[in-house]
Protein backbone atom coordinates (compact mmCIF):
# COMPACT_ATOMS: atom_id res chain seq x y z
CA MET A 1 270.36 152.90 40.38
CA SER A 2 270.70 150.56 37.41
CA ALA A 3 274.08 149.48 36.08
CA LEU A 4 273.37 151.31 32.83
CA GLN A 5 272.55 154.56 34.64
CA GLU A 6 275.73 154.21 36.71
CA LEU A 7 277.81 153.86 33.52
CA ILE A 8 276.07 156.87 31.96
CA ASP A 9 276.78 158.97 35.06
CA ILE A 10 280.44 157.91 35.15
CA SER A 11 280.88 158.75 31.46
CA LYS A 12 279.87 162.38 32.08
CA SER A 13 282.93 163.11 34.22
CA VAL A 14 286.69 162.96 33.64
CA SER A 15 287.05 161.04 36.90
CA ASN A 16 285.21 158.16 38.53
CA PRO A 17 285.16 156.31 41.87
CA ALA A 18 287.71 153.70 40.72
CA ILE A 19 290.21 156.42 39.77
CA GLU A 20 289.64 158.26 43.05
CA GLN A 21 290.16 155.02 45.01
CA TRP A 22 293.39 154.34 43.08
CA LYS A 23 294.65 157.84 43.95
CA THR A 24 293.78 157.56 47.64
CA GLU A 25 295.83 154.34 47.78
CA GLY A 26 298.82 156.40 46.59
CA LYS A 27 299.13 154.57 43.29
CA LYS A 28 300.21 156.18 40.01
CA ILE A 29 298.00 156.94 37.03
CA VAL A 30 299.22 157.35 33.46
CA GLY A 31 296.91 159.23 31.14
CA PHE A 32 297.19 158.56 27.43
CA PHE A 33 295.77 159.71 24.10
CA CYS A 34 297.12 157.02 21.81
CA PRO A 35 295.18 153.72 21.76
CA TYR A 36 298.42 151.78 21.19
CA ILE A 37 299.72 152.18 24.73
CA PRO A 38 300.68 148.77 26.16
CA GLU A 39 298.21 148.76 29.07
CA GLU A 40 299.38 145.34 30.26
CA VAL A 41 302.86 146.73 30.93
CA LEU A 42 301.38 149.54 33.03
CA TYR A 43 299.15 147.17 35.00
CA ALA A 44 302.17 144.93 35.64
CA ALA A 45 303.93 147.96 37.14
CA ASP A 46 300.89 148.66 39.38
CA VAL A 47 300.07 151.78 37.36
CA LEU A 48 296.54 152.56 36.21
CA PRO A 49 296.31 153.37 32.49
CA TYR A 50 293.65 156.01 31.84
CA ARG A 51 292.46 157.02 28.38
CA LEU A 52 292.27 160.82 28.53
CA ARG A 53 288.95 162.28 27.48
CA THR A 54 286.99 165.48 27.81
CA PRO A 55 283.25 164.88 28.12
CA GLY A 56 281.27 168.05 27.55
CA CYS A 57 284.12 170.14 26.15
CA THR A 58 282.52 172.31 23.46
CA GLU A 59 285.30 174.79 22.71
CA THR A 60 289.08 175.06 22.80
CA THR A 61 289.46 178.82 22.79
CA SER A 62 292.16 178.97 25.48
CA ALA A 63 293.99 175.89 24.18
CA ASP A 64 294.03 177.32 20.65
CA VAL A 65 296.32 180.07 21.93
CA TYR A 66 298.98 177.41 22.56
CA MET A 67 298.18 174.87 19.85
CA SER A 68 297.31 175.10 16.19
CA ASN A 69 293.81 174.15 15.14
CA ILE A 70 295.35 171.41 12.99
CA ASN A 71 296.40 169.59 16.20
CA CYS A 72 294.25 166.74 17.43
CA SER A 73 290.97 168.04 18.88
CA LEU A 74 291.20 165.60 21.81
CA VAL A 75 294.62 166.94 22.79
CA ARG A 76 293.37 170.52 22.46
CA SER A 77 290.29 169.69 24.53
CA CYS A 78 292.46 168.16 27.28
CA LEU A 79 294.63 171.29 27.32
CA GLN A 80 291.45 173.39 27.47
CA TYR A 81 290.29 171.46 30.56
CA ILE A 82 293.72 171.81 32.16
CA LEU A 83 293.71 175.57 31.56
CA GLU A 84 290.19 175.82 33.00
CA GLY A 85 291.19 173.82 36.08
CA LYS A 86 288.75 171.01 35.26
CA TYR A 87 291.39 168.32 34.90
CA ASP A 88 293.36 166.81 37.76
CA LEU A 89 296.47 165.80 35.86
CA PRO A 90 297.58 162.18 35.86
CA ASP A 91 301.05 161.37 37.18
CA ALA A 92 302.37 161.01 33.63
CA SER A 93 301.23 161.10 30.04
CA PRO A 94 303.47 159.56 27.38
CA SER A 95 303.60 161.18 23.97
CA VAL A 96 302.73 159.32 20.80
CA GLN A 97 306.43 159.28 19.92
CA ALA A 98 307.31 157.73 23.28
CA VAL A 99 304.70 155.01 22.79
CA SER A 100 306.01 154.34 19.28
CA LYS A 101 309.58 153.96 20.58
CA LEU A 102 308.40 151.67 23.37
CA LEU A 103 306.54 149.45 20.90
CA GLN A 104 309.62 149.31 18.66
CA LYS A 105 311.75 148.15 21.60
CA ILE A 106 309.19 145.53 22.61
CA ALA A 107 309.07 144.19 19.04
CA LEU A 108 312.88 143.69 19.02
């Protein structure tokens, strides 16, 4: 299998072998939506930062019951996958507000 094909195959799933290996070692994973998460801080704490995504999600019917359609489609898609049992939740997922507060404290 070529390296390109391996990357294409990995991109089709919400998980991959590296994430599964991290979990089997008993290490923590933090899923995030916001691109401003300080990944270096998480790596320093031996935590794997994971950008949440939902490849192949084409509808958010179940998630729309809980969230308005003006909410971010990525967040709704993640909730849809959780409700469908397709997402093995990370150990934590900081909110955008939490990331903002963290960045403010780092800047001080």
